[in-house]
Amino acid sequence: MKKYPAQIRKFGKRIKSLREENDLTQKELGVKAGLTSRTIQRIEAGDFASTLHILIALAKAFSVSTGELIKEITVEPAKK
């Protein structure tokens, strides 16, 4: 299994937190976002690097901006 950076795992925790705040199951969020519950599960576990399409779909499902979804998730500068 591929190990994703801390930012991907942090994003997964953010999605799980928002899902729970909205009293949604992974399946219900998947339906709202047009994704499978397995995809939601992998995102929340930090095992899936979301695409722009998925980021937009999740933002719409939660009725928030994409910026709101990724706030407080910092990206480390690339090492040279």
N, C-alpha and C. Protein backbone atom coordinates (compact mmCIF):
# COMPACT_ATOMS: atom_id res chain seq x y z
N MET A 1 0.85 -1.18 0.00
CA MET A 1 0.00 0.00 0.00
C MET A 1 0.89 1.24 0.00
N LYS A 2 0.54 2.21 -0.81
CA LYS A 2 1.32 3.43 -0.92
C LYS A 2 1.12 4.31 0.33
N LYS A 3 2.22 4.89 0.79
CA LYS A 3 2.14 5.80 1.94
C LYS A 3 2.03 7.23 1.42
N TYR A 4 0.94 7.88 1.73
CA TYR A 4 0.72 9.25 1.29
C TYR A 4 1.24 10.24 2.32
N PRO A 5 1.55 11.45 1.87
CA PRO A 5 2.05 12.48 2.79
C PRO A 5 1.03 12.84 3.86
N ALA A 6 1.53 13.49 4.89
CA ALA A 6 0.70 13.88 6.02
C ALA A 6 -0.48 14.74 5.60
N GLN A 7 -0.32 15.57 4.56
CA GLN A 7 -1.41 16.43 4.12
C GLN A 7 -2.60 15.62 3.61
N ILE A 8 -2.34 14.50 2.95
CA ILE A 8 -3.42 13.64 2.46
C ILE A 8 -4.17 13.02 3.64
N ARG A 9 -3.43 12.59 4.62
CA ARG A 9 -4.06 12.01 5.82
C ARG A 9 -4.86 13.06 6.58
N LYS A 10 -4.31 14.28 6.65
CA LYS A 10 -5.00 15.38 7.33
C LYS A 10 -6.30 15.72 6.59
N PHE A 11 -6.26 15.71 5.25
CA PHE A 11 -7.46 15.96 4.46
C PHE A 11 -8.51 14.89 4.75
N GLY A 12 -8.08 13.64 4.85
CA GLY A 12 -9.00 12.55 5.16
C GLY A 12 -9.69 12.74 6.50
N LYS A 13 -8.93 13.20 7.49
CA LYS A 13 -9.52 13.46 8.80
C LYS A 13 -10.52 14.60 8.72
N ARG A 14 -10.22 15.60 7.90
CA ARG A 14 -11.14 16.74 7.72
C ARG A 14 -12.46 16.27 7.10
N ILE A 15 -12.37 15.42 6.09
CA ILE A 15 -13.58 14.90 5.44
C ILE A 15 -14.39 14.08 6.42
N LYS A 16 -13.73 13.23 7.19
CA LYS A 16 -14.45 12.41 8.17
C LYS A 16 -15.14 13.29 9.20
N SER A 17 -14.45 14.32 9.67
CA SER A 17 -15.03 15.23 10.65
C SER A 17 -16.26 15.93 10.08
N LEU A 18 -16.17 16.44 8.86
CA LEU A 18 -17.32 17.10 8.24
C LEU A 18 -18.48 16.12 8.02
N ARG A 19 -18.14 14.90 7.62
CA ARG A 19 -19.18 13.89 7.40
C ARG A 19 -19.92 13.61 8.70
N GLU A 20 -19.17 13.44 9.78
CA GLU A 20 -19.79 13.16 11.07
C GLU A 20 -20.60 14.35 11.59
N GLU A 21 -20.10 15.58 11.37
CA GLU A 21 -20.83 16.79 11.78
C GLU A 21 -22.16 16.89 11.05
N ASN A 22 -22.21 16.35 9.83
CA ASN A 22 -23.43 16.38 9.02
C ASN A 22 -24.27 15.12 9.16
N ASP A 23 -23.92 14.27 10.13
CA ASP A 23 -24.64 13.02 10.39
C ASP A 23 -24.84 12.19 9.13
N LEU A 24 -23.75 12.01 8.38
CA LEU A 24 -23.80 11.21 7.16
C LEU A 24 -22.96 9.95 7.33
N THR A 25 -23.44 8.87 6.74
CA THR A 25 -22.61 7.67 6.66
C THR A 25 -21.68 7.85 5.46
N GLN A 26 -20.70 6.98 5.35
CA GLN A 26 -19.82 7.03 4.17
C GLN A 26 -20.63 6.80 2.90
N LYS A 27 -21.58 5.91 2.97
CA LYS A 27 -22.42 5.62 1.80
C LYS A 27 -23.26 6.85 1.42
N GLU A 28 -23.86 7.49 2.42
CA GLU A 28 -24.68 8.68 2.15
C GLU A 28 -23.85 9.81 1.55
N LEU A 29 -22.64 10.02 2.08
CA LEU A 29 -21.77 11.05 1.52
C LEU A 29 -21.39 10.68 0.09
N GLY A 30 -21.10 9.42 -0.13
CA GLY A 30 -20.76 8.96 -1.47
C GLY A 30 -21.87 9.26 -2.47
N VAL A 31 -23.10 8.98 -2.08
CA VAL A 31 -24.25 9.25 -2.95
C VAL A 31 -24.35 10.75 -3.24
N LYS A 32 -24.24 11.57 -2.19
CA LYS A 32 -24.33 13.04 -2.37
C LYS A 32 -23.24 13.57 -3.28
N ALA A 33 -22.05 12.97 -3.20
CA ALA A 33 -20.90 13.45 -3.97
C ALA A 33 -20.72 12.71 -5.29
N GLY A 34 -21.52 11.69 -5.53
CA GLY A 34 -21.36 10.91 -6.76
C GLY A 34 -20.14 10.01 -6.72
N LEU A 35 -19.79 9.55 -5.52
CA LEU A 35 -18.63 8.68 -5.33
C LEU A 35 -19.07 7.40 -4.65
N THR A 36 -18.21 6.40 -4.66
CA THR A 36 -18.55 5.16 -3.96
C THR A 36 -18.20 5.30 -2.48
N SER A 37 -18.83 4.50 -1.66
CA SER A 37 -18.51 4.52 -0.23
C SER A 37 -17.07 4.05 -0.02
N ARG A 38 -16.57 3.20 -0.88
CA ARG A 38 -15.18 2.74 -0.80
C ARG A 38 -14.21 3.91 -1.03
N THR A 39 -14.54 4.77 -1.97
CA THR A 39 -13.70 5.95 -2.21
C THR A 39 -13.69 6.85 -0.98
N ILE A 40 -14.87 7.07 -0.39
CA ILE A 40 -14.95 7.88 0.82
C ILE A 40 -14.12 7.24 1.93
N GLN A 41 -14.23 5.95 2.07
CA GLN A 41 -13.47 5.22 3.10
C GLN A 41 -11.97 5.41 2.88
N ARG A 42 -11.51 5.29 1.65
CA ARG A 42 -10.08 5.45 1.35
C ARG A 42 -9.60 6.88 1.58
N ILE A 43 -10.43 7.86 1.23
CA ILE A 43 -10.07 9.26 1.47
C ILE A 43 -9.91 9.49 2.97
N GLU A 44 -10.90 9.06 3.74
CA GLU A 44 -10.87 9.27 5.18
C GLU A 44 -9.69 8.57 5.85
N ALA A 45 -9.28 7.44 5.30
CA ALA A 45 -8.16 6.68 5.86
C ALA A 45 -6.81 7.26 5.43
N GLY A 46 -6.84 8.23 4.51
CA GLY A 46 -5.60 8.81 4.02
C GLY A 46 -4.90 7.92 3.02
N ASP A 47 -5.66 7.01 2.41
CA ASP A 47 -5.11 6.06 1.43
C ASP A 47 -5.43 6.45 0.00
N PHE A 48 -5.86 7.68 -0.22
CA PHE A 48 -6.30 8.08 -1.55
C PHE A 48 -6.03 9.56 -1.73
N ALA A 49 -5.27 9.90 -2.74
CA ALA A 49 -5.00 11.30 -3.06
C ALA A 49 -6.13 11.80 -3.95
N SER A 50 -6.96 12.67 -3.42
CA SER A 50 -8.13 13.17 -4.14
C SER A 50 -7.74 13.97 -5.37
N THR A 51 -8.53 13.82 -6.40
CA THR A 51 -8.36 14.61 -7.61
C THR A 51 -9.16 15.90 -7.46
N LEU A 52 -8.93 16.83 -8.35
CA LEU A 52 -9.69 18.08 -8.33
C LEU A 52 -11.18 17.81 -8.48
N HIS A 53 -11.53 16.86 -9.33
CA HIS A 53 -12.94 16.48 -9.53
C HIS A 53 -13.57 16.04 -8.20
N ILE A 54 -12.85 15.22 -7.45
CA ILE A 54 -13.37 14.72 -6.18
C ILE A 54 -13.44 15.83 -5.14
N LEU A 55 -12.44 16.69 -5.12
CA LEU A 55 -12.45 17.83 -4.20
C LEU A 55 -13.68 18.70 -4.43
N ILE A 56 -13.98 18.99 -5.69
CA ILE A 56 -15.15 19.80 -6.03
C ILE A 56 -16.44 19.07 -5.65
N ALA A 57 -16.51 17.77 -5.92
CA ALA A 57 -17.71 16.99 -5.59
C ALA A 57 -17.96 16.98 -4.08
N LEU A 58 -16.90 16.83 -3.30
CA LEU A 58 -17.05 16.83 -1.83
C LEU A 58 -17.47 18.20 -1.32
N ALA A 59 -16.89 19.25 -1.89
CA ALA A 59 -17.26 20.62 -1.49
C ALA A 59 -18.75 20.85 -1.75
N LYS A 60 -19.22 20.43 -2.91
CA LYS A 60 -20.65 20.59 -3.22
C LYS A 60 -21.52 19.78 -2.27
N ALA A 61 -21.08 18.56 -1.96
CA ALA A 61 -21.86 17.69 -1.06
C ALA A 61 -21.99 18.31 0.33
N PHE A 62 -20.95 19.01 0.78
CA PHE A 62 -20.97 19.65 2.10
C PHE A 62 -21.45 21.11 2.04
N SER A 63 -21.71 21.61 0.83
CA SER A 63 -22.12 23.01 0.63
C SER A 63 -21.09 23.99 1.21
N VAL A 64 -19.83 23.71 0.92
CA VAL A 64 -18.73 24.59 1.33
C VAL A 64 -17.83 24.83 0.12
N SER A 65 -16.93 25.79 0.23
CA SER A 65 -15.97 26.03 -0.85
C SER A 65 -14.85 25.00 -0.78
N THR A 66 -14.15 24.84 -1.89
CA THR A 66 -13.00 23.94 -1.88
C THR A 66 -11.95 24.46 -0.90
N GLY A 67 -11.84 25.78 -0.79
CA GLY A 67 -10.91 26.36 0.17
C GLY A 67 -11.22 25.97 1.60
N GLU A 68 -12.50 25.90 1.91
CA GLU A 68 -12.93 25.49 3.25
C GLU A 68 -12.51 24.05 3.52
N LEU A 69 -12.58 23.20 2.49
CA LEU A 69 -12.20 21.80 2.68
C LEU A 69 -10.72 21.63 2.98
N ILE A 70 -9.91 22.47 2.37
CA ILE A 70 -8.46 22.29 2.51
C ILE A 70 -7.80 23.28 3.47
N LYS A 71 -8.61 24.09 4.14
CA LYS A 71 -8.01 25.06 5.06
C LYS A 71 -7.22 24.31 6.14
N GLU A 72 -6.19 24.95 6.58
CA GLU A 72 -5.30 24.42 7.62
C GLU A 72 -4.50 23.20 7.18
N ILE A 73 -4.55 22.86 5.92
CA ILE A 73 -3.73 21.76 5.40
C ILE A 73 -2.59 22.38 4.63
N THR A 74 -1.44 22.37 5.23
CA THR A 74 -0.29 23.02 4.61
C THR A 74 0.51 22.03 3.77
N VAL A 75 1.11 22.54 2.74
CA VAL A 75 1.94 21.72 1.88
C VAL A 75 3.38 22.14 2.09
N GLU A 76 4.20 21.16 2.35
CA GLU A 76 5.62 21.42 2.56
C GLU A 76 6.26 21.79 1.22
N PRO A 77 7.19 22.74 1.21
CA PRO A 77 7.86 23.08 -0.04
C PRO A 77 8.68 21.88 -0.54
N ALA A 78 8.75 21.75 -1.86
CA ALA A 78 9.50 20.64 -2.45
C ALA A 78 10.97 20.76 -2.11
N LYS A 79 11.57 19.62 -1.81
CA LYS A 79 12.99 19.60 -1.50
C LYS A 79 13.78 19.68 -2.79
N LYS A 80 14.85 20.46 -2.78
CA LYS A 80 15.67 20.60 -3.99
C LYS A 80 16.93 19.80 -3.87
